[in-house]
Amino acid sequence: MSAFSMYMDGNAALDVTPEQRRPQPSFTVVPGCVQRPSVPQPAPLHGVQAAGVVILAVAVLVCFAVFGLQVTGNQQRAFETALATTEQTSIRVQPGDSLWSLAQEYPVDGLSSSDTSDLIAAWNSLDDAFLQPGMELLVPAA
């Protein structure tokens, strides 16, 4: 059998011999299989290495938690300071006004629009964000 008359892939072979008048392909099972390179597996962590990884993960989580609490604490202090010290003015609610639109119209330095809308709700003892045209509200002085 010549080299060009045999096609192999895996463990199957197609044999077409030139002696046949009309080549009749036939499949022949070849013992064995093609070896594919294996993917190297990472070495398992042992005692001290595993403990180091756990300690590092815990340290990262603690840092994120402390940072998150610090940011939340700073935002809370800014809100409480604004609640106590920001000058107020009275307005009459117009059709289409919302706490959000009023917070954007009367911003407070250091507070987001969300915090400013919470500030307006707190000053006016509002239980919900539903405003009626004609209501008198305290808002931050511009």
N, C-alpha and C. Protein backbone atom coordinates (compact mmCIF):
# COMPACT_ATOMS: atom_id res chain seq x y z
N MET A 1 0.86 -1.15 0.00
CA MET A 1 0.00 0.00 0.00
C MET A 1 0.91 1.22 0.00
N SER A 2 0.66 2.15 -0.90
CA SER A 2 1.49 3.34 -0.99
C SER A 2 1.05 4.35 0.06
N ALA A 3 1.94 5.29 0.37
CA ALA A 3 1.66 6.26 1.42
C ALA A 3 0.50 7.17 1.04
N PHE A 4 0.38 7.49 -0.25
CA PHE A 4 -0.69 8.40 -0.64
C PHE A 4 -2.05 7.74 -0.73
N SER A 5 -2.09 6.40 -0.67
CA SER A 5 -3.39 5.74 -0.79
C SER A 5 -4.04 5.48 0.56
N MET A 6 -3.42 5.88 1.63
CA MET A 6 -3.99 5.63 2.94
C MET A 6 -4.18 6.95 3.69
N TYR A 7 -5.35 7.15 4.19
CA TYR A 7 -5.66 8.35 4.96
C TYR A 7 -5.99 7.91 6.37
N MET A 8 -5.33 8.49 7.37
CA MET A 8 -5.58 8.10 8.76
C MET A 8 -5.96 9.33 9.57
N ASP A 9 -6.95 9.16 10.40
CA ASP A 9 -7.34 10.18 11.35
C ASP A 9 -7.88 9.46 12.57
N GLY A 10 -7.25 9.62 13.68
CA GLY A 10 -7.68 8.91 14.87
C GLY A 10 -7.40 7.44 14.72
N ASN A 11 -8.41 6.61 14.94
CA ASN A 11 -8.19 5.17 14.83
C ASN A 11 -8.93 4.57 13.63
N ALA A 12 -9.33 5.41 12.66
CA ALA A 12 -9.98 4.90 11.45
C ALA A 12 -9.06 5.18 10.26
N ALA A 13 -9.02 4.25 9.32
CA ALA A 13 -8.18 4.42 8.14
C ALA A 13 -8.99 4.12 6.90
N LEU A 14 -8.79 4.93 5.86
CA LEU A 14 -9.44 4.71 4.57
C LEU A 14 -8.38 4.16 3.62
N ASP A 15 -8.62 2.97 3.11
CA ASP A 15 -7.62 2.30 2.27
C ASP A 15 -8.17 2.20 0.85
N VAL A 16 -7.50 2.88 -0.09
CA VAL A 16 -7.85 2.77 -1.50
C VAL A 16 -6.61 2.21 -2.20
N THR A 17 -6.69 0.98 -2.64
CA THR A 17 -5.53 0.35 -3.27
C THR A 17 -5.59 0.55 -4.77
N PRO A 18 -4.45 0.83 -5.43
CA PRO A 18 -4.44 1.08 -6.87
C PRO A 18 -4.69 -0.18 -7.69
N GLU A 19 -4.59 -1.39 -7.13
CA GLU A 19 -4.79 -2.62 -7.90
C GLU A 19 -6.24 -2.82 -8.30
N GLN A 20 -7.15 -2.24 -7.59
CA GLN A 20 -8.57 -2.43 -7.90
C GLN A 20 -8.91 -1.63 -9.15
N ARG A 21 -9.74 -2.23 -10.02
CA ARG A 21 -10.16 -1.50 -11.23
C ARG A 21 -10.96 -0.26 -10.86
N ARG A 22 -11.95 -0.47 -10.04
CA ARG A 22 -12.72 0.65 -9.55
C ARG A 22 -12.43 0.73 -8.06
N PRO A 23 -11.76 1.76 -7.65
CA PRO A 23 -11.42 1.82 -6.23
C PRO A 23 -12.67 1.76 -5.36
N GLN A 24 -12.67 0.84 -4.46
CA GLN A 24 -13.75 0.69 -3.49
C GLN A 24 -13.20 1.06 -2.11
N PRO A 25 -13.57 2.20 -1.64
CA PRO A 25 -13.05 2.57 -0.33
C PRO A 25 -13.57 1.63 0.75
N SER A 26 -12.74 1.33 1.68
CA SER A 26 -13.15 0.53 2.82
C SER A 26 -12.48 1.09 4.06
N PHE A 27 -13.16 0.93 5.18
CA PHE A 27 -12.62 1.42 6.45
C PHE A 27 -12.01 0.27 7.20
N THR A 28 -10.86 0.55 7.79
CA THR A 28 -10.17 -0.44 8.59
C THR A 28 -9.89 0.19 9.95
N VAL A 29 -10.23 -0.53 11.01
CA VAL A 29 -9.95 -0.02 12.35
C VAL A 29 -8.50 -0.31 12.66
N VAL A 30 -7.80 0.74 13.09
CA VAL A 30 -6.40 0.62 13.43
C VAL A 30 -6.30 0.62 14.95
N PRO A 31 -5.60 -0.35 15.53
CA PRO A 31 -5.50 -0.37 16.99
C PRO A 31 -4.82 0.89 17.52
N GLY A 32 -5.24 1.30 18.69
CA GLY A 32 -4.65 2.48 19.32
C GLY A 32 -5.42 3.73 18.96
N CYS A 33 -4.93 4.82 19.38
CA CYS A 33 -5.57 6.10 19.05
C CYS A 33 -4.51 7.18 19.04
N VAL A 34 -4.89 8.31 18.54
CA VAL A 34 -3.98 9.44 18.46
C VAL A 34 -3.86 10.03 19.86
N GLN A 35 -2.65 10.25 20.30
CA GLN A 35 -2.43 10.87 21.61
C GLN A 35 -2.52 12.39 21.45
N ARG A 36 -3.38 12.99 22.18
CA ARG A 36 -3.50 14.44 22.17
C ARG A 36 -2.74 14.98 23.38
N PRO A 37 -2.09 16.13 23.22
CA PRO A 37 -1.36 16.66 24.37
C PRO A 37 -2.33 17.00 25.50
N SER A 38 -1.96 16.66 26.69
CA SER A 38 -2.83 16.94 27.83
C SER A 38 -2.59 18.36 28.33
N VAL A 39 -3.63 18.92 28.90
CA VAL A 39 -3.54 20.26 29.47
C VAL A 39 -2.95 20.12 30.86
N PRO A 40 -1.87 20.84 31.13
CA PRO A 40 -1.27 20.70 32.46
C PRO A 40 -2.23 21.19 33.54
N GLN A 41 -2.34 20.45 34.60
CA GLN A 41 -3.19 20.80 35.72
C GLN A 41 -2.35 21.54 36.76
N PRO A 42 -2.93 22.56 37.38
CA PRO A 42 -2.16 23.27 38.40
C PRO A 42 -1.89 22.34 39.58
N ALA A 43 -0.74 22.54 40.18
CA ALA A 43 -0.39 21.73 41.33
C ALA A 43 -1.33 22.06 42.48
N PRO A 44 -1.75 21.06 43.23
CA PRO A 44 -2.65 21.34 44.36
C PRO A 44 -1.94 22.17 45.42
N LEU A 45 -2.71 23.02 46.09
CA LEU A 45 -2.13 23.83 47.16
C LEU A 45 -1.98 22.97 48.40
N HIS A 46 -0.93 23.18 49.11
CA HIS A 46 -0.68 22.42 50.32
C HIS A 46 -0.74 23.36 51.51
N GLY A 47 -1.05 22.85 52.65
CA GLY A 47 -1.09 23.50 53.94
C GLY A 47 -0.85 24.99 53.97
N VAL A 48 0.40 25.41 54.00
CA VAL A 48 0.76 26.80 54.16
C VAL A 48 0.28 27.63 52.97
N GLN A 49 0.40 27.10 51.74
CA GLN A 49 -0.06 27.83 50.56
C GLN A 49 -1.56 28.08 50.63
N ALA A 50 -2.33 27.05 50.97
CA ALA A 50 -3.79 27.20 51.06
C ALA A 50 -4.15 28.21 52.14
N ALA A 51 -3.49 28.16 53.27
CA ALA A 51 -3.78 29.11 54.35
C ALA A 51 -3.44 30.53 53.89
N GLY A 52 -2.35 30.70 53.15
CA GLY A 52 -1.98 32.02 52.64
C GLY A 52 -3.02 32.58 51.69
N VAL A 53 -3.55 31.71 50.84
CA VAL A 53 -4.59 32.15 49.89
C VAL A 53 -5.84 32.56 50.66
N VAL A 54 -6.23 31.80 51.66
CA VAL A 54 -7.42 32.13 52.45
C VAL A 54 -7.20 33.44 53.19
N ILE A 55 -6.04 33.61 53.79
CA ILE A 55 -5.75 34.85 54.53
C ILE A 55 -5.77 36.05 53.59
N LEU A 56 -5.21 35.90 52.41
CA LEU A 56 -5.21 36.99 51.43
C LEU A 56 -6.64 37.34 51.02
N ALA A 57 -7.46 36.33 50.76
CA ALA A 57 -8.86 36.57 50.36
C ALA A 57 -9.62 37.28 51.48
N VAL A 58 -9.42 36.86 52.72
CA VAL A 58 -10.10 37.50 53.85
C VAL A 58 -9.63 38.94 53.99
N ALA A 59 -8.32 39.18 53.82
CA ALA A 59 -7.79 40.54 53.94
C ALA A 59 -8.39 41.46 52.88
N VAL A 60 -8.52 40.96 51.66
CA VAL A 60 -9.12 41.77 50.58
C VAL A 60 -10.58 42.08 50.90
N LEU A 61 -11.32 41.09 51.39
CA LEU A 61 -12.73 41.32 51.74
C LEU A 61 -12.85 42.33 52.88
N VAL A 62 -11.99 42.24 53.87
CA VAL A 62 -12.03 43.18 54.99
C VAL A 62 -11.73 44.60 54.49
N CYS A 63 -10.75 44.74 53.59
CA CYS A 63 -10.44 46.07 53.04
C CYS A 63 -11.64 46.66 52.31
N PHE A 64 -12.31 45.84 51.49
CA PHE A 64 -13.50 46.33 50.79
C PHE A 64 -14.60 46.71 51.77
N ALA A 65 -14.79 45.92 52.80
CA ALA A 65 -15.83 46.21 53.79
C ALA A 65 -15.53 47.51 54.53
N VAL A 66 -14.28 47.70 54.95
CA VAL A 66 -13.90 48.92 55.67
C VAL A 66 -14.07 50.13 54.77
N PHE A 67 -13.62 50.01 53.51
CA PHE A 67 -13.76 51.11 52.56
C PHE A 67 -15.24 51.43 52.35
N GLY A 68 -16.06 50.40 52.17
CA GLY A 68 -17.50 50.60 51.97
C GLY A 68 -18.15 51.27 53.16
N LEU A 69 -17.79 50.85 54.37
CA LEU A 69 -18.35 51.47 55.56
C LEU A 69 -17.89 52.91 55.70
N GLN A 70 -16.65 53.18 55.33
CA GLN A 70 -16.13 54.54 55.42
C GLN A 70 -16.88 55.45 54.45
N VAL A 71 -17.07 54.98 53.21
CA VAL A 71 -17.80 55.78 52.22
C VAL A 71 -19.24 55.99 52.67
N THR A 72 -19.88 54.93 53.17
CA THR A 72 -21.26 55.04 53.65
C THR A 72 -21.32 55.99 54.84
N GLY A 73 -20.35 55.89 55.73
CA GLY A 73 -20.31 56.79 56.89
C GLY A 73 -20.13 58.23 56.47
N ASN A 74 -19.26 58.48 55.50
CA ASN A 74 -19.04 59.84 55.01
C ASN A 74 -20.31 60.39 54.38
N GLN A 75 -21.02 59.57 53.61
CA GLN A 75 -22.27 60.02 52.99
C GLN A 75 -23.31 60.32 54.06
N GLN A 76 -23.38 59.48 55.09
CA GLN A 76 -24.34 59.68 56.16
C GLN A 76 -24.04 60.98 56.92
N ARG A 77 -22.74 61.22 57.20
CA ARG A 77 -22.36 62.46 57.89
C ARG A 77 -22.70 63.68 57.04
N ALA A 78 -22.45 63.61 55.72
CA ALA A 78 -22.78 64.72 54.83
C ALA A 78 -24.28 64.99 54.83
N PHE A 79 -25.07 63.92 54.82
CA PHE A 79 -26.53 64.07 54.84
C PHE A 79 -26.98 64.72 56.15
N GLU A 80 -26.46 64.22 57.28
CA GLU A 80 -26.85 64.75 58.58
C GLU A 80 -26.43 66.21 58.73
N THR A 81 -25.25 66.55 58.23
CA THR A 81 -24.78 67.94 58.27
C THR A 81 -25.70 68.83 57.43
N ALA A 82 -26.03 68.38 56.23
CA ALA A 82 -26.91 69.16 55.35
C ALA A 82 -28.30 69.29 55.97
N LEU A 83 -28.77 68.24 56.63
CA LEU A 83 -30.09 68.26 57.27
C LEU A 83 -30.15 69.35 58.33
N ALA A 84 -29.04 69.52 59.07
CA ALA A 84 -29.03 70.47 60.17
C ALA A 84 -28.61 71.88 59.77
N THR A 85 -27.79 72.02 58.72
CA THR A 85 -27.19 73.34 58.46
C THR A 85 -27.60 74.01 57.15
N THR A 86 -28.20 73.29 56.23
CA THR A 86 -28.54 73.89 54.93
C THR A 86 -29.70 74.86 55.10
N GLU A 87 -29.52 76.04 54.51
CA GLU A 87 -30.61 77.03 54.56
C GLU A 87 -31.79 76.54 53.73
N GLN A 88 -32.98 76.93 54.18
CA GLN A 88 -34.21 76.47 53.53
C GLN A 88 -34.98 77.66 52.98
N THR A 89 -35.78 77.33 51.97
CA THR A 89 -36.73 78.30 51.44
C THR A 89 -38.02 77.54 51.16
N SER A 90 -39.12 78.24 51.12
CA SER A 90 -40.42 77.61 50.90
C SER A 90 -40.85 77.81 49.45
N ILE A 91 -41.38 76.77 48.85
CA ILE A 91 -41.90 76.86 47.48
C ILE A 91 -43.29 76.24 47.43
N ARG A 92 -44.00 76.53 46.37
CA ARG A 92 -45.30 75.91 46.13
C ARG A 92 -45.11 74.89 45.00
N VAL A 93 -45.55 73.66 45.23
CA VAL A 93 -45.40 72.58 44.24
C VAL A 93 -46.24 72.91 43.01
N GLN A 94 -45.61 72.78 41.85
CA GLN A 94 -46.27 73.01 40.57
C GLN A 94 -46.63 71.67 39.93
N PRO A 95 -47.60 71.64 39.01
CA PRO A 95 -47.92 70.39 38.32
C PRO A 95 -46.67 69.83 37.63
N GLY A 96 -46.43 68.57 37.80
CA GLY A 96 -45.27 67.92 37.19
C GLY A 96 -44.05 67.87 38.09
N ASP A 97 -44.06 68.60 39.21
CA ASP A 97 -42.93 68.57 40.13
C ASP A 97 -42.85 67.20 40.82
N SER A 98 -41.64 66.80 41.09
CA SER A 98 -41.39 65.57 41.86
C SER A 98 -40.24 65.85 42.81
N LEU A 99 -40.05 64.99 43.79
CA LEU A 99 -38.91 65.18 44.69
C LEU A 99 -37.61 65.19 43.90
N TRP A 100 -37.52 64.33 42.90
CA TRP A 100 -36.30 64.25 42.09
C TRP A 100 -36.07 65.55 41.33
N SER A 101 -37.12 66.08 40.68
CA SER A 101 -36.94 67.33 39.91
C SER A 101 -36.62 68.49 40.83
N LEU A 102 -37.22 68.53 42.03
CA LEU A 102 -36.91 69.59 42.98
C LEU A 102 -35.47 69.45 43.50
N ALA A 103 -35.03 68.22 43.72
CA ALA A 103 -33.65 68.00 44.17
C ALA A 103 -32.65 68.46 43.11
N GLN A 104 -32.99 68.29 41.86
CA GLN A 104 -32.09 68.75 40.79
C GLN A 104 -32.16 70.27 40.63
N GLU A 105 -33.32 70.85 40.90
CA GLU A 105 -33.49 72.29 40.77
C GLU A 105 -32.85 73.04 41.95
N TYR A 106 -32.83 72.41 43.13
CA TYR A 106 -32.27 73.01 44.34
C TYR A 106 -31.18 72.10 44.91
N PRO A 107 -30.03 71.98 44.24
CA PRO A 107 -28.99 71.06 44.69
C PRO A 107 -28.29 71.53 45.97
N VAL A 108 -27.72 70.57 46.68
CA VAL A 108 -26.94 70.86 47.88
C VAL A 108 -25.53 70.36 47.61
N ASP A 109 -24.52 71.22 47.83
CA ASP A 109 -23.13 70.82 47.62
C ASP A 109 -22.80 69.61 48.49
N GLY A 110 -22.18 68.62 47.87
CA GLY A 110 -21.77 67.41 48.59
C GLY A 110 -22.82 66.33 48.66
N LEU A 111 -24.03 66.59 48.17
CA LEU A 111 -25.09 65.59 48.18
C LEU A 111 -25.50 65.23 46.76
N SER A 112 -25.85 63.98 46.56
CA SER A 112 -26.38 63.55 45.27
C SER A 112 -27.83 64.00 45.16
N SER A 113 -28.40 63.91 43.98
CA SER A 113 -29.82 64.25 43.80
C SER A 113 -30.69 63.34 44.66
N SER A 114 -30.30 62.08 44.77
CA SER A 114 -31.05 61.14 45.59
C SER A 114 -31.04 61.57 47.06
N ASP A 115 -29.84 61.96 47.57
CA ASP A 115 -29.75 62.41 48.96
C ASP A 115 -30.51 63.72 49.16
N THR A 116 -30.46 64.61 48.17
CA THR A 116 -31.17 65.88 48.29
C THR A 116 -32.68 65.64 48.31
N SER A 117 -33.18 64.70 47.51
CA SER A 117 -34.62 64.40 47.56
C SER A 117 -34.99 63.80 48.92
N ASP A 118 -34.09 62.97 49.50
CA ASP A 118 -34.33 62.45 50.85
C ASP A 118 -34.34 63.59 51.87
N LEU A 119 -33.48 64.59 51.69
CA LEU A 119 -33.41 65.74 52.58
C LEU A 119 -34.73 66.53 52.53
N ILE A 120 -35.23 66.78 51.33
CA ILE A 120 -36.50 67.50 51.17
C ILE A 120 -37.63 66.71 51.82
N ALA A 121 -37.65 65.39 51.62
CA ALA A 121 -38.68 64.55 52.23
C ALA A 121 -38.59 64.60 53.75
N ALA A 122 -37.37 64.59 54.30
CA ALA A 122 -37.20 64.64 55.76
C ALA A 122 -37.66 65.98 56.32
N TRP A 123 -37.28 67.09 55.68
CA TRP A 123 -37.68 68.41 56.17
C TRP A 123 -39.20 68.58 56.19
N ASN A 124 -39.86 67.95 55.22
CA ASN A 124 -41.31 68.12 55.08
C ASN A 124 -42.11 66.96 55.64
N SER A 125 -41.45 66.03 56.33
CA SER A 125 -42.10 64.86 56.94
C SER A 125 -42.98 64.13 55.95
N LEU A 126 -42.45 63.91 54.75
CA LEU A 126 -43.20 63.20 53.71
C LEU A 126 -43.00 61.69 53.89
N ASP A 127 -44.11 60.95 53.89
CA ASP A 127 -44.03 59.49 54.00
C ASP A 127 -43.79 58.83 52.66
N ASP A 128 -44.16 59.51 51.58
CA ASP A 128 -43.93 58.97 50.24
C ASP A 128 -43.51 60.11 49.32
N ALA A 129 -43.23 59.78 48.09
CA ALA A 129 -42.74 60.78 47.15
C ALA A 129 -43.87 61.43 46.36
N PHE A 130 -45.10 61.19 46.73
CA PHE A 130 -46.24 61.72 45.99
C PHE A 130 -46.47 63.18 46.39
N LEU A 131 -46.37 64.08 45.42
CA LEU A 131 -46.58 65.51 45.66
C LEU A 131 -47.84 65.98 44.96
N GLN A 132 -48.57 66.88 45.62
CA GLN A 132 -49.78 67.47 45.05
C GLN A 132 -49.49 68.91 44.66
N PRO A 133 -49.91 69.33 43.47
CA PRO A 133 -49.74 70.74 43.11
C PRO A 133 -50.39 71.63 44.17
N GLY A 134 -49.70 72.70 44.52
CA GLY A 134 -50.20 73.64 45.53
C GLY A 134 -49.62 73.39 46.92
N MET A 135 -49.00 72.23 47.16
CA MET A 135 -48.38 71.95 48.48
C MET A 135 -47.26 72.95 48.73
N GLU A 136 -47.09 73.33 49.98
CA GLU A 136 -45.94 74.16 50.38
C GLU A 136 -44.86 73.22 50.87
N LEU A 137 -43.64 73.36 50.32
CA LEU A 137 -42.52 72.52 50.72
C LEU A 137 -41.32 73.36 51.06
N LEU A 138 -40.53 72.88 52.04
CA LEU A 138 -39.23 73.44 52.32
C LEU A 138 -38.22 72.77 51.42
N VAL A 139 -37.40 73.58 50.73
CA VAL A 139 -36.36 73.05 49.85
C VAL A 139 -35.07 73.81 50.17
N PRO A 140 -33.91 73.29 49.74
CA PRO A 140 -32.66 74.01 49.97
C PRO A 140 -32.70 75.38 49.27
N ALA A 141 -32.20 76.40 49.98
CA ALA A 141 -32.16 77.74 49.39
C ALA A 141 -31.11 77.76 48.29
N ALA A 142 -31.44 78.39 47.18
CA ALA A 142 -30.51 78.43 46.05
C ALA A 142 -29.42 79.43 46.28
